[in-house]
N, C-alpha and C. Protein backbone atom coordinates (compact mmCIF):
# COMPACT_ATOMS: atom_id res chain seq x y z
N MET A 1 2.72 -19.94 29.51
CA MET A 1 3.47 -18.83 28.92
C MET A 1 4.94 -19.19 29.01
N SER A 2 5.65 -18.93 27.95
CA SER A 2 7.08 -19.21 27.96
C SER A 2 7.87 -17.92 28.17
N THR A 3 9.13 -18.09 28.48
CA THR A 3 10.02 -16.96 28.72
C THR A 3 11.17 -17.04 27.74
N ILE A 4 11.52 -15.89 27.17
CA ILE A 4 12.67 -15.83 26.28
C ILE A 4 13.63 -14.77 26.81
N SER A 5 14.88 -14.93 26.47
CA SER A 5 15.89 -13.96 26.88
C SER A 5 16.63 -13.50 25.63
N ILE A 6 16.66 -12.20 25.42
CA ILE A 6 17.33 -11.66 24.24
C ILE A 6 18.19 -10.46 24.64
N PRO A 7 19.33 -10.33 24.01
CA PRO A 7 20.12 -9.12 24.27
C PRO A 7 19.51 -7.93 23.52
N ILE A 8 19.52 -6.77 24.17
CA ILE A 8 19.04 -5.55 23.51
C ILE A 8 20.05 -4.44 23.77
N PRO A 9 20.13 -3.49 22.86
CA PRO A 9 21.05 -2.37 23.07
C PRO A 9 20.58 -1.48 24.23
N ALA A 10 21.51 -0.75 24.78
CA ALA A 10 21.21 0.13 25.92
C ALA A 10 20.11 1.13 25.59
N SER A 11 20.07 1.59 24.36
CA SER A 11 19.04 2.57 23.98
C SER A 11 17.64 1.99 24.11
N LEU A 12 17.47 0.71 23.74
CA LEU A 12 16.15 0.10 23.89
C LEU A 12 15.81 -0.17 25.35
N GLU A 13 16.80 -0.52 26.12
CA GLU A 13 16.55 -0.72 27.55
C GLU A 13 16.13 0.60 28.20
N SER A 14 16.75 1.69 27.81
CA SER A 14 16.36 3.00 28.32
C SER A 14 14.93 3.33 27.90
N PHE A 15 14.59 3.00 26.67
CA PHE A 15 13.23 3.23 26.17
C PHE A 15 12.22 2.44 27.01
N ILE A 16 12.52 1.17 27.26
CA ILE A 16 11.63 0.32 28.06
C ILE A 16 11.47 0.90 29.46
N ASN A 17 12.58 1.28 30.07
CA ASN A 17 12.52 1.86 31.42
C ASN A 17 11.71 3.16 31.43
N ASP A 18 11.83 3.95 30.39
CA ASP A 18 11.06 5.19 30.28
C ASP A 18 9.57 4.89 30.17
N MET A 19 9.21 3.85 29.44
CA MET A 19 7.79 3.47 29.31
C MET A 19 7.22 3.09 30.67
N ILE A 20 8.02 2.42 31.48
CA ILE A 20 7.58 2.04 32.83
C ILE A 20 7.44 3.29 33.70
N ARG A 21 8.42 4.18 33.65
CA ARG A 21 8.38 5.42 34.44
C ARG A 21 7.15 6.26 34.08
N ARG A 22 6.78 6.25 32.79
CA ARG A 22 5.64 7.04 32.32
C ARG A 22 4.31 6.35 32.59
N GLY A 23 4.36 5.13 33.10
CA GLY A 23 3.13 4.43 33.44
C GLY A 23 2.45 3.75 32.27
N ILE A 24 3.14 3.61 31.17
CA ILE A 24 2.56 2.97 29.99
C ILE A 24 2.41 1.46 30.20
N ALA A 25 3.33 0.91 30.96
CA ALA A 25 3.28 -0.52 31.30
C ALA A 25 3.91 -0.70 32.68
N PRO A 26 3.46 -1.71 33.41
CA PRO A 26 3.99 -1.88 34.77
C PRO A 26 5.34 -2.58 34.85
N THR A 27 5.68 -3.36 33.82
CA THR A 27 6.92 -4.14 33.86
C THR A 27 7.60 -4.13 32.49
N LYS A 28 8.86 -4.54 32.49
CA LYS A 28 9.59 -4.66 31.22
C LYS A 28 8.92 -5.68 30.31
N ALA A 29 8.50 -6.78 30.91
CA ALA A 29 7.85 -7.82 30.11
C ALA A 29 6.58 -7.29 29.45
N GLU A 30 5.82 -6.48 30.17
CA GLU A 30 4.58 -5.94 29.60
C GLU A 30 4.87 -4.95 28.47
N VAL A 31 5.94 -4.17 28.61
CA VAL A 31 6.33 -3.27 27.52
C VAL A 31 6.60 -4.08 26.26
N VAL A 32 7.35 -5.15 26.39
CA VAL A 32 7.69 -5.98 25.23
C VAL A 32 6.44 -6.67 24.68
N ARG A 33 5.57 -7.18 25.56
CA ARG A 33 4.33 -7.81 25.09
C ARG A 33 3.48 -6.82 24.30
N GLN A 34 3.36 -5.59 24.82
CA GLN A 34 2.58 -4.57 24.11
C GLN A 34 3.21 -4.23 22.76
N ALA A 35 4.52 -4.14 22.74
CA ALA A 35 5.22 -3.81 21.49
C ALA A 35 5.02 -4.91 20.46
N LEU A 36 5.11 -6.16 20.89
CA LEU A 36 4.92 -7.28 19.96
C LEU A 36 3.49 -7.36 19.47
N ALA A 37 2.53 -7.09 20.35
CA ALA A 37 1.13 -7.09 19.93
C ALA A 37 0.89 -6.01 18.89
N ARG A 38 1.46 -4.83 19.11
CA ARG A 38 1.32 -3.74 18.15
C ARG A 38 1.98 -4.09 16.81
N TYR A 39 3.15 -4.72 16.89
CA TYR A 39 3.84 -5.13 15.67
C TYR A 39 2.99 -6.13 14.89
N ALA A 40 2.38 -7.09 15.59
CA ALA A 40 1.53 -8.07 14.93
C ALA A 40 0.33 -7.40 14.26
N GLU A 41 -0.26 -6.43 14.93
CA GLU A 41 -1.38 -5.67 14.35
C GLU A 41 -0.93 -4.92 13.10
N ASP A 42 0.22 -4.25 13.19
CA ASP A 42 0.75 -3.51 12.05
C ASP A 42 1.00 -4.43 10.86
N GLN A 43 1.52 -5.62 11.12
CA GLN A 43 1.78 -6.58 10.05
C GLN A 43 0.48 -7.03 9.40
N ALA A 44 -0.56 -7.28 10.21
CA ALA A 44 -1.85 -7.70 9.67
C ALA A 44 -2.44 -6.59 8.79
N VAL A 45 -2.36 -5.35 9.25
CA VAL A 45 -2.86 -4.23 8.45
C VAL A 45 -2.08 -4.13 7.15
N GLU A 46 -0.77 -4.27 7.20
CA GLU A 46 0.05 -4.18 6.00
C GLU A 46 -0.32 -5.27 5.00
N GLU A 47 -0.61 -6.48 5.49
CA GLU A 47 -1.00 -7.56 4.59
C GLU A 47 -2.32 -7.25 3.90
N VAL A 48 -3.27 -6.67 4.63
CA VAL A 48 -4.54 -6.29 4.03
C VAL A 48 -4.32 -5.19 2.99
N MET A 49 -3.50 -4.21 3.34
CA MET A 49 -3.21 -3.11 2.40
C MET A 49 -2.54 -3.64 1.14
N GLN A 50 -1.61 -4.59 1.29
CA GLN A 50 -0.95 -5.18 0.13
C GLN A 50 -1.96 -5.92 -0.74
N ALA A 51 -2.86 -6.65 -0.11
CA ALA A 51 -3.88 -7.37 -0.87
C ALA A 51 -4.77 -6.38 -1.63
N MET A 52 -5.11 -5.27 -1.00
CA MET A 52 -5.93 -4.26 -1.67
C MET A 52 -5.19 -3.66 -2.86
N ARG A 53 -3.89 -3.41 -2.70
CA ARG A 53 -3.10 -2.89 -3.82
C ARG A 53 -3.08 -3.89 -4.98
N GLU A 54 -2.93 -5.18 -4.64
CA GLU A 54 -2.89 -6.21 -5.67
C GLU A 54 -4.22 -6.32 -6.40
N VAL A 55 -5.33 -6.16 -5.68
CA VAL A 55 -6.64 -6.19 -6.32
C VAL A 55 -6.76 -5.02 -7.29
N LYS A 56 -6.32 -3.83 -6.86
CA LYS A 56 -6.36 -2.65 -7.73
C LYS A 56 -5.52 -2.85 -8.98
N GLU A 57 -4.42 -3.58 -8.85
CA GLU A 57 -3.53 -3.84 -9.98
C GLU A 57 -4.01 -5.01 -10.84
N GLY A 58 -5.12 -5.61 -10.45
CA GLY A 58 -5.64 -6.74 -11.21
C GLY A 58 -4.97 -8.05 -10.90
N LYS A 59 -4.23 -8.12 -9.84
CA LYS A 59 -3.52 -9.34 -9.47
C LYS A 59 -4.38 -10.16 -8.52
N ILE A 60 -5.49 -10.66 -9.02
CA ILE A 60 -6.37 -11.47 -8.18
C ILE A 60 -6.61 -12.82 -8.82
N LEU A 61 -6.88 -13.77 -8.00
CA LEU A 61 -7.23 -15.10 -8.48
C LEU A 61 -8.73 -15.25 -8.42
N GLU A 62 -9.30 -15.82 -9.46
CA GLU A 62 -10.73 -16.04 -9.49
C GLU A 62 -10.98 -17.51 -9.77
N GLY A 63 -12.08 -18.00 -9.29
CA GLY A 63 -12.45 -19.37 -9.58
C GLY A 63 -12.89 -20.11 -8.33
N ASP A 64 -13.21 -21.35 -8.57
CA ASP A 64 -13.71 -22.22 -7.50
C ASP A 64 -12.54 -23.02 -6.94
N LEU A 65 -12.16 -22.75 -5.71
CA LEU A 65 -11.02 -23.44 -5.11
C LEU A 65 -11.28 -24.93 -4.96
N ASP A 66 -12.53 -25.32 -4.70
CA ASP A 66 -12.84 -26.75 -4.59
C ASP A 66 -12.62 -27.45 -5.93
N GLU A 67 -13.04 -26.80 -7.01
CA GLU A 67 -12.84 -27.38 -8.35
C GLU A 67 -11.35 -27.48 -8.67
N LEU A 68 -10.59 -26.46 -8.34
CA LEU A 68 -9.15 -26.47 -8.57
C LEU A 68 -8.50 -27.61 -7.78
N ALA A 69 -8.91 -27.79 -6.53
CA ALA A 69 -8.36 -28.86 -5.69
C ALA A 69 -8.67 -30.23 -6.29
N ARG A 70 -9.84 -30.41 -6.86
CA ARG A 70 -10.20 -31.69 -7.49
C ARG A 70 -9.32 -32.00 -8.70
N ARG A 71 -8.87 -30.98 -9.38
CA ARG A 71 -8.02 -31.18 -10.58
C ARG A 71 -6.58 -31.50 -10.24
N MET A 72 -6.18 -31.21 -9.03
CA MET A 72 -4.78 -31.44 -8.65
C MET A 72 -4.56 -32.93 -8.37
N PRO A 73 -3.39 -33.45 -8.79
CA PRO A 73 -3.11 -34.88 -8.58
C PRO A 73 -2.93 -35.24 -7.12
């Protein structure tokens, strides 16, 4: 596991400390890990939702990817 150091505004530090006080996470590092995990999940859901919107709009690719790859130089 690696360690990173980033500056954050006082308001976010207060938020992190509040999460610890409330028992949501035991350490500052765990608060940040949980937040990043949630962000990654949200991004994955958004990508699926975007793909679904594109399918509804008819923006889909059809065909055999192996055949397409064979045609490429």
